[in-house]
């Protein structure tokens, strides 16, 4: 009589453990193997790693000076003004086809 009462007391723990075991078992059987995924995606992973390495390399070797950052801000503001429609006509109003 004592064992069924303890099993009944732990029924949610036992059910949770069974569900966890079934989930792990089904993932192992159904999911593709890691080497299969790496074999399929290795070009994408390699190119992404190379691009990130180049970005870090250029960030370390080409630091921006303070004058460069202000010119970038001015260029960005000019571009935003142009896109917003607040641009001035070009100085040379003649077209190349004239």
N, C-alpha and C. Protein backbone atom coordinates (compact mmCIF):
# COMPACT_ATOMS: atom_id res chain seq x y z
N UNK A 1 0.79 -1.19 0.00
CA UNK A 1 0.00 0.00 0.00
C UNK A 1 0.84 1.27 0.00
N UNK A 2 2.02 1.16 0.52
CA UNK A 2 2.87 2.33 0.65
C UNK A 2 3.45 2.78 -0.70
N UNK A 3 3.81 1.82 -1.55
CA UNK A 3 4.42 2.16 -2.84
C UNK A 3 3.41 2.84 -3.77
N UNK A 4 2.20 2.35 -3.94
CA UNK A 4 1.26 3.06 -4.82
C UNK A 4 0.97 4.48 -4.36
N UNK A 5 0.98 4.72 -3.07
CA UNK A 5 0.75 6.09 -2.59
C UNK A 5 1.91 7.01 -2.98
N UNK A 6 3.13 6.49 -2.89
CA UNK A 6 4.30 7.30 -3.28
C UNK A 6 4.32 7.54 -4.79
N UNK A 7 3.94 6.52 -5.56
CA UNK A 7 3.89 6.69 -7.02
C UNK A 7 2.82 7.70 -7.38
N UNK A 8 1.69 7.63 -6.69
CA UNK A 8 0.62 8.58 -6.95
C UNK A 8 1.04 10.00 -6.56
N UNK A 9 1.86 10.10 -5.54
CA UNK A 9 2.34 11.41 -5.11
C UNK A 9 3.31 12.01 -6.13
N UNK A 10 4.08 11.16 -6.79
CA UNK A 10 5.09 11.62 -7.74
C UNK A 10 4.63 11.48 -9.20
N UNK A 11 3.33 11.38 -9.44
CA UNK A 11 2.84 11.12 -10.79
C UNK A 11 3.21 12.23 -11.77
N UNK A 12 3.23 13.50 -11.33
CA UNK A 12 3.57 14.59 -12.25
C UNK A 12 5.06 14.58 -12.59
N UNK A 13 5.88 14.21 -11.62
CA UNK A 13 7.31 14.11 -11.89
C UNK A 13 7.61 12.97 -12.87
N UNK A 14 6.95 11.87 -12.67
CA UNK A 14 7.15 10.71 -13.55
C UNK A 14 6.66 11.04 -14.96
N UNK A 15 5.51 11.68 -15.06
CA UNK A 15 4.96 12.07 -16.36
C UNK A 15 5.89 13.06 -17.07
N UNK A 16 6.43 14.03 -16.33
CA UNK A 16 7.37 15.00 -16.91
C UNK A 16 8.64 14.33 -17.41
N UNK A 17 9.16 13.36 -16.62
CA UNK A 17 10.36 12.64 -17.02
C UNK A 17 10.10 11.81 -18.27
N UNK A 18 8.94 11.19 -18.36
CA UNK A 18 8.59 10.41 -19.55
C UNK A 18 8.47 11.31 -20.78
N UNK A 19 7.84 12.45 -20.63
CA UNK A 19 7.72 13.38 -21.75
C UNK A 19 9.09 13.89 -22.19
N UNK A 20 9.98 14.17 -21.24
CA UNK A 20 11.32 14.61 -21.58
C UNK A 20 12.08 13.52 -22.33
N UNK A 21 11.97 12.30 -21.87
CA UNK A 21 12.65 11.18 -22.54
C UNK A 21 12.10 10.97 -23.95
N UNK A 22 10.79 11.04 -24.10
CA UNK A 22 10.20 10.88 -25.43
C UNK A 22 10.62 12.01 -26.38
N UNK A 23 10.69 13.22 -25.85
CA UNK A 23 11.12 14.35 -26.67
C UNK A 23 12.56 14.19 -27.13
N UNK A 24 13.43 13.84 -26.21
CA UNK A 24 14.84 13.64 -26.57
C UNK A 24 14.99 12.49 -27.57
N UNK A 25 14.28 11.43 -27.35
CA UNK A 25 14.34 10.27 -28.25
C UNK A 25 13.85 10.64 -29.64
N UNK A 26 12.75 11.37 -29.73
CA UNK A 26 12.23 11.74 -31.04
C UNK A 26 13.15 12.73 -31.75
N UNK A 27 13.78 13.65 -31.01
CA UNK A 27 14.71 14.59 -31.64
C UNK A 27 15.93 13.85 -32.18
N UNK A 28 16.41 12.88 -31.43
CA UNK A 28 17.57 12.12 -31.88
C UNK A 28 17.24 11.32 -33.14
N UNK A 29 16.06 10.76 -33.21
CA UNK A 29 15.69 9.95 -34.37
C UNK A 29 15.31 10.78 -35.59
N UNK A 30 14.60 11.88 -35.37
CA UNK A 30 14.03 12.63 -36.48
C UNK A 30 14.98 13.72 -36.98
N UNK A 31 15.69 14.37 -36.10
CA UNK A 31 16.53 15.50 -36.49
C UNK A 31 17.72 15.02 -37.31
N UNK A 32 18.14 15.85 -38.27
CA UNK A 32 19.33 15.47 -39.05
C UNK A 32 20.58 15.55 -38.19
N UNK A 33 21.56 14.83 -38.57
CA UNK A 33 22.81 14.82 -37.82
C UNK A 33 23.55 16.15 -38.01
N UNK A 34 24.38 16.47 -37.05
CA UNK A 34 25.13 17.73 -37.09
C UNK A 34 26.06 17.79 -38.30
N UNK A 35 26.70 16.70 -38.62
CA UNK A 35 27.60 16.69 -39.77
C UNK A 35 26.84 16.87 -41.08
N UNK A 36 25.61 16.40 -41.14
CA UNK A 36 24.79 16.61 -42.33
C UNK A 36 24.50 18.09 -42.51
N UNK A 37 24.15 18.76 -41.42
CA UNK A 37 23.89 20.19 -41.49
C UNK A 37 25.15 20.97 -41.84
N UNK A 38 26.27 20.63 -41.22
CA UNK A 38 27.51 21.32 -41.54
C UNK A 38 27.94 21.07 -42.98
N UNK A 39 27.72 19.86 -43.48
CA UNK A 39 28.05 19.56 -44.86
C UNK A 39 27.21 20.36 -45.84
N UNK A 40 25.98 20.65 -45.48
CA UNK A 40 25.09 21.40 -46.36
C UNK A 40 25.37 22.90 -46.30
N UNK A 41 25.63 23.41 -45.09
CA UNK A 41 25.76 24.85 -44.90
C UNK A 41 27.20 25.33 -44.82
N UNK A 42 28.21 24.50 -45.07
CA UNK A 42 29.58 24.95 -44.89
C UNK A 42 29.97 26.13 -45.77
N UNK A 43 29.51 26.26 -47.02
CA UNK A 43 29.89 27.45 -47.79
C UNK A 43 29.33 28.74 -47.17
N UNK A 44 28.10 28.68 -46.71
CA UNK A 44 27.51 29.85 -46.08
C UNK A 44 28.23 30.22 -44.79
N UNK A 45 28.53 29.24 -43.98
CA UNK A 45 29.23 29.49 -42.72
C UNK A 45 30.64 30.02 -42.97
N UNK A 46 31.33 29.48 -43.97
CA UNK A 46 32.68 29.92 -44.28
C UNK A 46 32.69 31.35 -44.81
N UNK A 47 31.78 31.68 -45.71
CA UNK A 47 31.76 33.04 -46.25
C UNK A 47 31.37 34.06 -45.18
N UNK A 48 30.46 33.70 -44.31
CA UNK A 48 30.09 34.60 -43.22
C UNK A 48 31.27 34.83 -42.28
N UNK A 49 32.00 33.78 -41.97
CA UNK A 49 33.17 33.91 -41.10
C UNK A 49 34.23 34.79 -41.75
N UNK A 50 34.44 34.64 -43.06
CA UNK A 50 35.43 35.46 -43.75
C UNK A 50 35.02 36.93 -43.78
N UNK A 51 33.76 37.20 -44.02
CA UNK A 51 33.29 38.59 -44.04
C UNK A 51 33.45 39.21 -42.65
N UNK A 52 33.09 38.49 -41.61
CA UNK A 52 33.25 39.02 -40.26
C UNK A 52 34.72 39.25 -39.92
N UNK A 53 35.58 38.34 -40.35
CA UNK A 53 37.02 38.52 -40.11
C UNK A 53 37.53 39.77 -40.82
N UNK A 54 37.08 40.00 -42.06
CA UNK A 54 37.49 41.20 -42.78
C UNK A 54 36.98 42.47 -42.12
N UNK A 55 35.76 42.43 -41.63
CA UNK A 55 35.21 43.61 -40.95
C UNK A 55 36.03 43.92 -39.71
N UNK A 56 36.35 42.91 -38.91
CA UNK A 56 37.16 43.15 -37.72
C UNK A 56 38.57 43.61 -38.09
N UNK A 57 39.15 43.04 -39.15
CA UNK A 57 40.48 43.43 -39.58
C UNK A 57 40.51 44.90 -40.01
N UNK A 58 39.54 45.31 -40.83
CA UNK A 58 39.51 46.70 -41.28
C UNK A 58 39.16 47.66 -40.15
N UNK A 59 38.36 47.22 -39.21
CA UNK A 59 38.03 48.08 -38.06
C UNK A 59 39.27 48.32 -37.21
N UNK A 60 40.15 47.33 -37.11
CA UNK A 60 41.37 47.49 -36.31
C UNK A 60 42.45 48.28 -37.06
N UNK A 61 42.57 48.07 -38.36
CA UNK A 61 43.67 48.67 -39.11
C UNK A 61 43.35 50.05 -39.67
N UNK A 62 42.09 50.41 -39.81
CA UNK A 62 41.72 51.70 -40.40
C UNK A 62 40.84 52.49 -39.43
N UNK A 63 41.41 53.01 -38.35
CA UNK A 63 40.57 53.79 -37.43
C UNK A 63 40.19 55.12 -38.07
N UNK A 64 39.00 55.59 -37.77
CA UNK A 64 38.53 56.86 -38.30
C UNK A 64 39.06 58.00 -37.45
N UNK A 65 39.51 59.06 -38.11
CA UNK A 65 39.92 60.24 -37.36
C UNK A 65 38.70 61.12 -37.12
N UNK A 66 38.87 62.15 -36.32
CA UNK A 66 37.72 63.01 -35.99
C UNK A 66 37.26 63.80 -37.21
N UNK A 67 38.17 64.17 -38.12
CA UNK A 67 37.77 64.92 -39.31
C UNK A 67 36.97 64.03 -40.26
N UNK A 68 37.32 62.75 -40.31
CA UNK A 68 36.57 61.83 -41.17
C UNK A 68 35.14 61.67 -40.68
N UNK A 69 34.95 61.59 -39.37
CA UNK A 69 33.61 61.37 -38.85
C UNK A 69 32.71 62.58 -39.11
N UNK A 70 33.27 63.82 -39.05
CA UNK A 70 32.43 64.98 -39.33
C UNK A 70 32.08 65.04 -40.81
N UNK A 71 33.01 64.64 -41.69
CA UNK A 71 32.68 64.65 -43.11
C UNK A 71 31.63 63.59 -43.42
N UNK A 72 31.69 62.44 -42.71
CA UNK A 72 30.66 61.42 -42.88
C UNK A 72 29.31 61.92 -42.41
N UNK A 73 29.29 62.66 -41.31
CA UNK A 73 28.04 63.21 -40.80
C UNK A 73 27.47 64.22 -41.78
N UNK A 74 28.33 65.06 -42.35
CA UNK A 74 27.86 66.04 -43.34
C UNK A 74 27.35 65.34 -44.59
N UNK A 75 28.05 64.32 -45.02
CA UNK A 75 27.59 63.58 -46.20
C UNK A 75 26.27 62.89 -45.92
N UNK A 76 26.14 62.35 -44.72
CA UNK A 76 24.88 61.70 -44.35
C UNK A 76 23.73 62.69 -44.29
N UNK A 77 24.00 63.87 -43.75
CA UNK A 77 22.95 64.90 -43.67
C UNK A 77 22.57 65.36 -45.07
N UNK A 78 23.55 65.51 -45.95
CA UNK A 78 23.27 65.90 -47.33
C UNK A 78 22.42 64.85 -48.03
N UNK A 79 22.75 63.60 -47.81
CA UNK A 79 21.99 62.51 -48.42
C UNK A 79 20.55 62.49 -47.90
N UNK A 80 20.39 62.68 -46.59
CA UNK A 80 19.04 62.72 -46.02
C UNK A 80 18.24 63.90 -46.56
N UNK A 81 18.88 65.05 -46.70
CA UNK A 81 18.18 66.20 -47.27
C UNK A 81 17.76 65.94 -48.71
N UNK A 82 18.62 65.28 -49.47
CA UNK A 82 18.30 64.98 -50.86
C UNK A 82 17.12 64.02 -50.95
N UNK A 83 17.14 62.98 -50.12
CA UNK A 83 16.06 62.00 -50.14
C UNK A 83 14.75 62.64 -49.68
N UNK A 84 14.82 63.55 -48.73
CA UNK A 84 13.62 64.20 -48.22
C UNK A 84 13.07 65.22 -49.22
N UNK A 85 13.82 65.53 -50.28
CA UNK A 85 13.33 66.46 -51.29
C UNK A 85 13.74 67.89 -51.04
N UNK A 86 14.65 68.12 -50.11
CA UNK A 86 15.11 69.48 -49.80
C UNK A 86 16.47 69.74 -50.43
N UNK A 87 16.60 69.42 -51.69
CA UNK A 87 17.89 69.61 -52.35
C UNK A 87 17.83 70.80 -53.29
N UNK A 88 19.00 71.39 -53.49
CA UNK A 88 19.12 72.54 -54.37
C UNK A 88 19.40 72.04 -55.79
N UNK A 89 19.01 72.79 -56.79
CA UNK A 89 19.33 72.37 -58.16
C UNK A 89 20.84 72.43 -58.36
N UNK A 90 21.35 71.63 -59.27
CA UNK A 90 22.80 71.65 -59.52
C UNK A 90 23.25 73.00 -60.05
N UNK A 91 24.52 73.33 -59.82
CA UNK A 91 25.06 74.62 -60.25
C UNK A 91 25.06 74.74 -61.78
N UNK A 92 25.40 73.67 -62.43
CA UNK A 92 25.40 73.66 -63.89
C UNK A 92 24.03 73.18 -64.36
N UNK A 93 23.21 74.12 -64.82
CA UNK A 93 21.84 73.76 -65.19
C UNK A 93 21.75 73.19 -66.59
N UNK A 94 22.85 73.23 -67.36
CA UNK A 94 22.83 72.65 -68.69
C UNK A 94 22.94 71.15 -68.61
N UNK A 95 22.28 70.46 -69.48
CA UNK A 95 22.38 69.02 -69.55
C UNK A 95 23.51 68.62 -70.47
N UNK A 96 24.00 67.43 -70.32
CA UNK A 96 25.08 66.97 -71.17
C UNK A 96 24.61 66.77 -72.62
N UNK A 97 23.32 66.58 -72.78
CA UNK A 97 22.83 66.37 -74.14
C UNK A 97 22.68 67.68 -74.93
N UNK A 98 22.82 68.85 -74.26
CA UNK A 98 22.69 70.15 -74.95
C UNK A 98 23.87 70.45 -75.81
